[in-house]
């Protein structure tokens, strides 16, 4: 039956559309990067909290922290480490 097929089919995860960030938000996110983390390292707990706050994906937070996106906006915040 159709109902049995629908119940057996895997459930699709509803995707939430991400919000587009602006330069100021990218700076805020970068400034909230845990200081004990070297560039290129981000943890799921830290990124998930900020992703929820800014309505973006966790990889967006990681990319900002790892200087892969919003580099021009966050450059003044970079440290030698």
PDB file of N, CA and C in Angstrom:
ATOM      1  N   UNK A   1       0.837  -1.189   0.000  1.00  0.00           N
ATOM      2  CA  UNK A   1       0.000   0.000   0.000  1.00  0.00           C
ATOM      3  C   UNK A   1       0.878   1.247   0.000  1.00  0.00           C
ATOM      4  N   UNK A   2       0.304   2.349  -0.368  1.00  0.00           N
ATOM      5  CA  UNK A   2       1.047   3.606  -0.436  1.00  0.00           C
ATOM      6  C   UNK A   2       1.488   4.040   0.948  1.00  0.00           C
ATOM      7  N   UNK A   3       0.633   3.895   1.958  1.00  0.00           N
ATOM      8  CA  UNK A   3       0.992   4.299   3.318  1.00  0.00           C
ATOM      9  C   UNK A   3       2.163   3.483   3.852  1.00  0.00           C
ATOM     10  N   UNK A   4       2.194   2.191   3.552  1.00  0.00           N
ATOM     11  CA  UNK A   4       3.288   1.336   4.000  1.00  0.00           C
ATOM     12  C   UNK A   4       4.585   1.753   3.331  1.00  0.00           C
ATOM     13  N   UNK A   5       4.534   2.101   2.044  1.00  0.00           N
ATOM     14  CA  UNK A   5       5.725   2.565   1.327  1.00  0.00           C
ATOM     15  C   UNK A   5       6.231   3.876   1.907  1.00  0.00           C
ATOM     16  N   UNK A   6       5.312   4.766   2.229  1.00  0.00           N
ATOM     17  CA  UNK A   6       5.697   6.066   2.790  1.00  0.00           C
ATOM     18  C   UNK A   6       6.337   5.887   4.161  1.00  0.00           C
ATOM     19  N   UNK A   7       5.821   4.977   4.953  1.00  0.00           N
ATOM     20  CA  UNK A   7       6.372   4.737   6.287  1.00  0.00           C
ATOM     21  C   UNK A   7       7.751   4.089   6.213  1.00  0.00           C
ATOM     22  N   UNK A   8       7.975   3.278   5.193  1.00  0.00           N
ATOM     23  CA  UNK A   8       9.250   2.590   5.051  1.00  0.00           C
ATOM     24  C   UNK A   8      10.330   3.482   4.436  1.00  0.00           C
ATOM     25  N   UNK A   9       9.919   4.523   3.737  1.00  0.00           N
ATOM     26  CA  UNK A   9      10.884   5.417   3.088  1.00  0.00           C
ATOM     27  C   UNK A   9      11.632   6.223   4.143  1.00  0.00           C
ATOM     28  N   UNK A  10      12.906   6.477   3.901  1.00  0.00           N
ATOM     29  CA  UNK A  10      13.657   7.284   4.872  1.00  0.00           C
ATOM     30  C   UNK A  10      13.095   8.700   4.938  1.00  0.00           C
ATOM     31  N   UNK A  11      13.098   9.247   6.129  1.00  0.00           N
ATOM     32  CA  UNK A  11      12.584  10.605   6.324  1.00  0.00           C
ATOM     33  C   UNK A  11      13.604  11.601   5.809  1.00  0.00           C
ATOM     34  N   UNK A  12      13.139  12.592   5.123  1.00  0.00           N
ATOM     35  CA  UNK A  12      14.028  13.646   4.633  1.00  0.00           C
ATOM     36  C   UNK A  12      14.195  14.687   5.727  1.00  0.00           C
ATOM     37  N   UNK A  13      15.400  15.133   5.862  1.00  0.00           N
ATOM     38  CA  UNK A  13      15.680  16.164   6.850  1.00  0.00           C
ATOM     39  C   UNK A  13      15.332  17.505   6.231  1.00  0.00           C
ATOM     40  N   UNK A  14      14.523  18.262   6.952  1.00  0.00           N
ATOM     41  CA  UNK A  14      14.146  19.583   6.463  1.00  0.00           C
ATOM     42  C   UNK A  14      15.329  20.519   6.636  1.00  0.00           C
ATOM     43  N   UNK A  15      15.759  21.116   5.551  1.00  0.00           N
ATOM     44  CA  UNK A  15      16.900  22.029   5.586  1.00  0.00           C
ATOM     45  C   UNK A  15      16.403  23.437   5.846  1.00  0.00           C
ATOM     46  N   UNK A  16      17.080  24.108   6.721  1.00  0.00           N
ATOM     47  CA  UNK A  16      16.749  25.494   7.014  1.00  0.00           C
ATOM     48  C   UNK A  16      17.647  26.369   6.161  1.00  0.00           C
ATOM     49  N   UNK A  17      17.066  27.310   5.498  1.00  0.00           N
ATOM     50  CA  UNK A  17      17.840  28.203   4.636  1.00  0.00           C
ATOM     51  C   UNK A  17      18.738  29.085   5.501  1.00  0.00           C
ATOM     52  N   UNK A  18      19.995  29.137   5.149  1.00  0.00           N
ATOM     53  CA  UNK A  18      20.953  29.936   5.890  1.00  0.00           C
ATOM     54  C   UNK A  18      20.776  31.408   5.579  1.00  0.00           C
ATOM     55  N   UNK A  19      21.127  32.187   6.552  1.00  0.00           N
ATOM     56  CA  UNK A  19      21.090  33.632   6.394  1.00  0.00           C
ATOM     57  C   UNK A  19      22.400  34.090   5.767  1.00  0.00           C
ATOM     58  N   UNK A  20      22.350  35.155   5.006  1.00  0.00           N
ATOM     59  CA  UNK A  20      23.556  35.719   4.432  1.00  0.00           C
ATOM     60  C   UNK A  20      24.184  36.653   5.457  1.00  0.00           C
ATOM     61  N   UNK A  21      25.465  36.470   5.672  1.00  0.00           N
ATOM     62  CA  UNK A  21      26.180  37.309   6.629  1.00  0.00           C
ATOM     63  C   UNK A  21      26.645  38.603   5.976  1.00  0.00           C
ATOM     64  N   UNK A  22      26.920  39.592   6.819  1.00  0.00           N
ATOM     65  CA  UNK A  22      27.554  40.803   6.330  1.00  0.00           C
ATOM     66  C   UNK A  22      28.935  40.893   6.983  1.00  0.00           C
ATOM     67  N   UNK A  23      29.726  41.860   6.576  1.00  0.00           N
ATOM     68  CA  UNK A  23      31.102  41.976   7.059  1.00  0.00           C
ATOM     69  C   UNK A  23      31.164  42.156   8.578  1.00  0.00           C
ATOM     70  N   UNK A  24      30.251  42.929   9.125  1.00  0.00           N
ATOM     71  CA  UNK A  24      30.259  43.150  10.576  1.00  0.00           C
ATOM     72  C   UNK A  24      30.006  41.842  11.322  1.00  0.00           C
ATOM     73  N   UNK A  25      29.071  41.049  10.856  1.00  0.00           N
ATOM     74  CA  UNK A  25      28.792  39.767  11.493  1.00  0.00           C
ATOM     75  C   UNK A  25      29.995  38.838  11.383  1.00  0.00           C
ATOM     76  N   UNK A  26      30.659  38.842  10.235  1.00  0.00           N
ATOM     77  CA  UNK A  26      31.853  38.010  10.055  1.00  0.00           C
ATOM     78  C   UNK A  26      32.930  38.420  11.053  1.00  0.00           C
ATOM     79  N   UNK A  27      33.092  39.716  11.273  1.00  0.00           N
ATOM     80  CA  UNK A  27      34.063  40.203  12.262  1.00  0.00           C
ATOM     81  C   UNK A  27      33.687  39.747  13.664  1.00  0.00           C
ATOM     82  N   UNK A  28      32.397  39.828  13.985  1.00  0.00           N
ATOM     83  CA  UNK A  28      31.927  39.376  15.302  1.00  0.00           C
ATOM     84  C   UNK A  28      32.218  37.893  15.487  1.00  0.00           C
ATOM     85  N   UNK A  29      31.916  37.096  14.481  1.00  0.00           N
ATOM     86  CA  UNK A  29      32.151  35.654  14.552  1.00  0.00           C
ATOM     87  C   UNK A  29      33.638  35.372  14.725  1.00  0.00           C
ATOM     88  N   UNK A  30      34.468  36.053  13.945  1.00  0.00           N
ATOM     89  CA  UNK A  30      35.911  35.827  14.048  1.00  0.00           C
ATOM     90  C   UNK A  30      36.418  36.227  15.431  1.00  0.00           C
ATOM     91  N   UNK A  31      35.906  37.309  15.970  1.00  0.00           N
ATOM     92  CA  UNK A  31      36.366  37.768  17.285  1.00  0.00           C
ATOM     93  C   UNK A  31      35.939  36.817  18.402  1.00  0.00           C
ATOM     94  N   UNK A  32      34.931  35.985  18.153  1.00  0.00           N
ATOM     95  CA  UNK A  32      34.465  35.017  19.145  1.00  0.00           C
ATOM     96  C   UNK A  32      35.172  33.670  19.035  1.00  0.00           C
ATOM     97  N   UNK A  33      36.138  33.589  18.155  1.00  0.00           N
ATOM     98  CA  UNK A  33      36.928  32.363  17.994  1.00  0.00           C
ATOM     99  C   UNK A  33      37.706  32.104  19.272  1.00  0.00           C
ATOM    100  N   UNK A  34      37.613  30.893  19.807  1.00  0.00           N
ATOM    101  CA  UNK A  34      38.367  30.592  21.033  1.00  0.00           C
ATOM    102  C   UNK A  34      39.855  30.845  20.836  1.00  0.00           C
ATOM    103  N   UNK A  35      40.460  31.590  21.732  1.00  0.00           N
ATOM    104  CA  UNK A  35      41.862  31.988  21.571  1.00  0.00           C
ATOM    105  C   UNK A  35      42.828  30.818  21.675  1.00  0.00           C
ATOM    106  N   UNK A  36      42.421  29.730  22.327  1.00  0.00           N
ATOM    107  CA  UNK A  36      43.330  28.591  22.471  1.00  0.00           C
ATOM    108  C   UNK A  36      43.427  27.737  21.210  1.00  0.00           C
ATOM    109  N   UNK A  37      42.595  28.034  20.217  1.00  0.00           N
ATOM    110  CA  UNK A  37      42.617  27.247  18.992  1.00  0.00           C
ATOM    111  C   UNK A  37      43.540  27.899  17.958  1.00  0.00           C
ATOM    112  N   UNK A  38      44.494  27.154  17.428  1.00  0.00           N
ATOM    113  CA  UNK A  38      45.331  27.705  16.356  1.00  0.00           C
ATOM    114  C   UNK A  38      44.519  27.827  15.074  1.00  0.00           C
ATOM    115  N   UNK A  39      44.924  28.688  14.136  1.00  0.00           N
ATOM    116  CA  UNK A  39      44.212  28.771  12.857  1.00  0.00           C
ATOM    117  C   UNK A  39      44.142  27.390  12.194  1.00  0.00           C
ATOM    118  N   UNK A  40      43.011  27.079  11.636  1.00  0.00           N
ATOM    119  CA  UNK A  40      42.838  25.788  10.977  1.00  0.00           C
ATOM    120  C   UNK A  40      42.168  24.744  11.857  1.00  0.00           C
ATOM    121  N   UNK A  41      41.884  25.099  13.115  1.00  0.00           N
ATOM    122  CA  UNK A  41      41.269  24.148  14.034  1.00  0.00           C
ATOM    123  C   UNK A  41      40.014  24.783  14.638  1.00  0.00           C
ATOM    124  N   UNK A  42      38.913  24.087  14.566  1.00  0.00           N
ATOM    125  CA  UNK A  42      37.674  24.548  15.181  1.00  0.00           C
ATOM    126  C   UNK A  42      36.938  23.333  15.728  1.00  0.00           C
ATOM    127  N   UNK A  43      36.240  23.509  16.840  1.00  0.00           N
ATOM    128  CA  UNK A  43      35.519  22.388  17.425  1.00  0.00           C
ATOM    129  C   UNK A  43      34.026  22.512  17.175  1.00  0.00           C
ATOM    130  N   UNK A  44      33.360  21.385  17.134  1.00  0.00           N
ATOM    131  CA  UNK A  44      31.939  21.340  16.821  1.00  0.00           C
ATOM    132  C   UNK A  44      31.108  22.125  17.834  1.00  0.00           C
ATOM    133  N   UNK A  45      31.427  22.006  19.110  1.00  0.00           N
ATOM    134  CA  UNK A  45      30.652  22.701  20.135  1.00  0.00           C
ATOM    135  C   UNK A  45      30.668  24.200  19.965  1.00  0.00           C
ATOM    136  N   UNK A  46      31.831  24.737  19.702  1.00  0.00           N
ATOM    137  CA  UNK A  46      31.947  26.184  19.518  1.00  0.00           C
ATOM    138  C   UNK A  46      31.206  26.646  18.271  1.00  0.00           C
ATOM    139  N   UNK A  47      31.383  25.910  17.188  1.00  0.00           N
ATOM    140  CA  UNK A  47      30.783  26.332  15.925  1.00  0.00           C
ATOM    141  C   UNK A  47      29.267  26.173  15.935  1.00  0.00           C
ATOM    142  N   UNK A  48      28.751  25.136  16.565  1.00  0.00           N
ATOM    143  CA  UNK A  48      27.308  24.898  16.582  1.00  0.00           C
ATOM    144  C   UNK A  48      26.569  26.019  17.299  1.00  0.00           C
ATOM    145  N   UNK A  49      27.124  26.485  18.382  1.00  0.00           N
ATOM    146  CA  UNK A  49      26.492  27.563  19.151  1.00  0.00           C
ATOM    147  C   UNK A  49      26.392  28.848  18.313  1.00  0.00           C
ATOM    148  N   UNK A  50      27.483  29.205  17.665  1.00  0.00           N
ATOM    149  CA  UNK A  50      27.474  30.420  16.848  1.00  0.00           C
ATOM    150  C   UNK A  50      26.648  30.247  15.580  1.00  0.00           C
ATOM    151  N   UNK A  51      26.682  29.067  15.003  1.00  0.00           N
ATOM    152  CA  UNK A  51      25.878  28.809  13.806  1.00  0.00           C
ATOM    153  C   UNK A  51      24.397  29.024  14.104  1.00  0.00           C
ATOM    154  N   UNK A  52      23.956  28.559  15.255  1.00  0.00           N
ATOM    155  CA  UNK A  52      22.554  28.743  15.642  1.00  0.00           C
ATOM    156  C   UNK A  52      22.245  30.224  15.861  1.00  0.00           C
ATOM    157  N   UNK A  53      23.166  30.930  16.486  1.00  0.00           N
ATOM    158  CA  UNK A  53      22.960  32.357  16.764  1.00  0.00           C
ATOM    159  C   UNK A  53      22.842  33.178  15.481  1.00  0.00           C
ATOM    160  N   UNK A  54      23.691  32.876  14.494  1.00  0.00           N
ATOM    161  CA  UNK A  54      23.713  33.653  13.249  1.00  0.00           C
ATOM    162  C   UNK A  54      22.914  33.018  12.117  1.00  0.00           C
ATOM    163  N   UNK A  55      22.281  31.881  12.381  1.00  0.00           N
ATOM    164  CA  UNK A  55      21.445  31.176  11.392  1.00  0.00           C
ATOM    165  C   UNK A  55      22.234  30.808  10.136  1.00  0.00           C
ATOM    166  N   UNK A  56      23.407  30.239  10.364  1.00  0.00           N
ATOM    167  CA  UNK A  56      24.245  29.763   9.263  1.00  0.00           C
ATOM    168  C   UNK A  56      24.701  28.343   9.577  1.00  0.00           C
ATOM    169  N   UNK A  57      25.351  27.711   8.639  1.00  0.00           N
ATOM    170  CA  UNK A  57      25.867  26.358   8.847  1.00  0.00           C
ATOM    171  C   UNK A  57      27.153  26.402   9.671  1.00  0.00           C
ATOM    172  N   UNK A  58      27.437  25.306  10.348  1.00  0.00           N
ATOM    173  CA  UNK A  58      28.656  25.250  11.161  1.00  0.00           C
ATOM    174  C   UNK A  58      29.907  25.419  10.307  1.00  0.00           C
ATOM    175  N   UNK A  59      29.875  24.927   9.076  1.00  0.00           N
ATOM    176  CA  UNK A  59      31.053  25.094   8.228  1.00  0.00           C
ATOM    177  C   UNK A  59      31.287  26.561   7.868  1.00  0.00           C
ATOM    178  N   UNK A  60      30.249  27.383   7.889  1.00  0.00           N
ATOM    179  CA  UNK A  60      30.423  28.816   7.659  1.00  0.00           C
ATOM    180  C   UNK A  60      31.247  29.426   8.784  1.00  0.00           C
ATOM    181  N   UNK A  61      30.948  29.040  10.012  1.00  0.00           N
ATOM    182  CA  UNK A  61      31.703  29.525  11.172  1.00  0.00           C
ATOM    183  C   UNK A  61      33.155  29.060  11.062  1.00  0.00           C
ATOM    184  N   UNK A  62      33.339  27.772  10.765  1.00  0.00           N
ATOM    185  CA  UNK A  62      34.705  27.235  10.633  1.00  0.00           C
ATOM    186  C   UNK A  62      35.485  27.953   9.527  1.00  0.00           C
ATOM    187  N   UNK A  63      34.824  28.214   8.424  1.00  0.00           N
ATOM    188  CA  UNK A  63      35.509  28.884   7.317  1.00  0.00           C
ATOM    189  C   UNK A  63      35.946  30.296   7.700  1.00  0.00           C
ATOM    190  N   UNK A  64      35.141  30.985   8.456  1.00  0.00           N
ATOM    191  CA  UNK A  64      35.528  32.322   8.921  1.00  0.00           C
ATOM    192  C   UNK A  64      36.706  32.210   9.883  1.00  0.00           C
ATOM    193  N   UNK A  65      36.612  31.315  10.844  1.00  0.00           N
ATOM    194  CA  UNK A  65      37.690  31.142  11.825  1.00  0.00           C
ATOM    195  C   UNK A  65      38.985  30.679  11.177  1.00  0.00           C
ATOM    196  N   UNK A  66      38.866  29.833  10.152  1.00  0.00           N
ATOM    197  CA  UNK A  66      40.056  29.289   9.493  1.00  0.00           C
ATOM    198  C   UNK A  66      40.542  30.163   8.345  1.00  0.00           C
ATOM    199  N   UNK A  67      39.952  31.346   8.223  1.00  0.00           N
ATOM    200  CA  UNK A  67      40.374  32.364   7.254  1.00  0.00           C
ATOM    201  C   UNK A  67      40.165  31.943   5.806  1.00  0.00           C
ATOM    202  N   UNK A  68      39.174  31.080   5.575  1.00  0.00           N
ATOM    203  CA  UNK A  68      38.849  30.651   4.211  1.00  0.00           C
ATOM    204  C   UNK A  68      37.757  31.518   3.596  1.00  0.00           C
ATOM    205  N   UNK A  69      37.006  32.210   4.440  1.00  0.00           N
ATOM    206  CA  UNK A  69      35.998  33.138   3.924  1.00  0.00           C
ATOM    207  C   UNK A  69      36.022  34.406   4.776  1.00  0.00           C
ATOM    208  N   UNK A  70      35.579  35.486   4.219  1.00  0.00           N
ATOM    209  CA  UNK A  70      35.564  36.792   4.873  1.00  0.00           C
ATOM    210  C   UNK A  70      36.960  37.234   5.315  1.00  0.00           C
ATOM    211  N   UNK A  71      37.970  36.827   4.579  1.00  0.00           N
ATOM    212  CA  UNK A  71      39.354  37.161   4.938  1.00  0.00           C
ATOM    213  C   UNK A  71      39.612  38.667   4.909  1.00  0.00           C
ATOM    214  N   UNK A  72      39.103  39.354   3.908  1.00  0.00           N
ATOM    215  CA  UNK A  72      39.332  40.801   3.832  1.00  0.00           C
ATOM    216  C   UNK A  72      38.689  41.525   5.006  1.00  0.00           C
ATOM    217  N   UNK A  73      37.503  41.090   5.406  1.00  0.00           N
ATOM    218  CA  UNK A  73      36.797  41.741   6.508  1.00  0.00           C
ATOM    219  C   UNK A  73      37.455  41.468   7.856  1.00  0.00           C
ATOM    220  N   UNK A  74      37.980  40.261   8.022  1.00  0.00           N
ATOM    221  CA  UNK A  74      38.529  39.873   9.328  1.00  0.00           C
ATOM    222  C   UNK A  74      40.033  40.101   9.448  1.00  0.00           C
ATOM    223  N   UNK A  75      40.703  40.455   8.379  1.00  0.00           N
ATOM    224  CA  UNK A  75      42.160  40.631   8.392  1.00  0.00           C
ATOM    225  C   UNK A  75      42.671  41.504   9.544  1.00  0.00           C
ATOM    226  N   UNK A  76      42.028  42.621   9.864  1.00  0.00           N
ATOM    227  CA  UNK A  76      42.507  43.444  10.973  1.00  0.00           C
ATOM    228  C   UNK A  76      42.491  42.714  12.334  1.00  0.00           C
ATOM    229  N   UNK A  77      41.728  41.653  12.447  1.00  0.00           N
ATOM    230  CA  UNK A  77      41.609  40.905  13.702  1.00  0.00           C
ATOM    231  C   UNK A  77      42.615  39.772  13.822  1.00  0.00           C
ATOM    232  N   UNK A  78      43.314  39.473  12.736  1.00  0.00           N
ATOM    233  CA  UNK A  78      44.258  38.352  12.753  1.00  0.00           C
ATOM    234  C   UNK A  78      45.432  38.660  13.656  1.00  0.00           C
ATOM    235  N   UNK A  79      45.927  37.616  14.293  1.00  0.00           N
ATOM    236  CA  UNK A  79      47.119  37.729  15.134  1.00  0.00           C
ATOM    237  C   UNK A  79      48.217  36.874  14.519  1.00  0.00           C
ATOM    238  N   UNK A  80      49.477  37.085  14.929  1.00  0.00           N
ATOM    239  CA  UNK A  80      50.574  36.299  14.351  1.00  0.00           C
ATOM    240  C   UNK A  80      50.461  34.801  14.564  1.00  0.00           C
ATOM    241  N   UNK A  81      49.722  34.341  15.576  1.00  0.00           N
ATOM    242  CA  UNK A  81      49.616  32.905  15.864  1.00  0.00           C
ATOM    243  C   UNK A  81      49.004  32.149  14.732  1.00  0.00           C
TER     244      UNK A  81
END
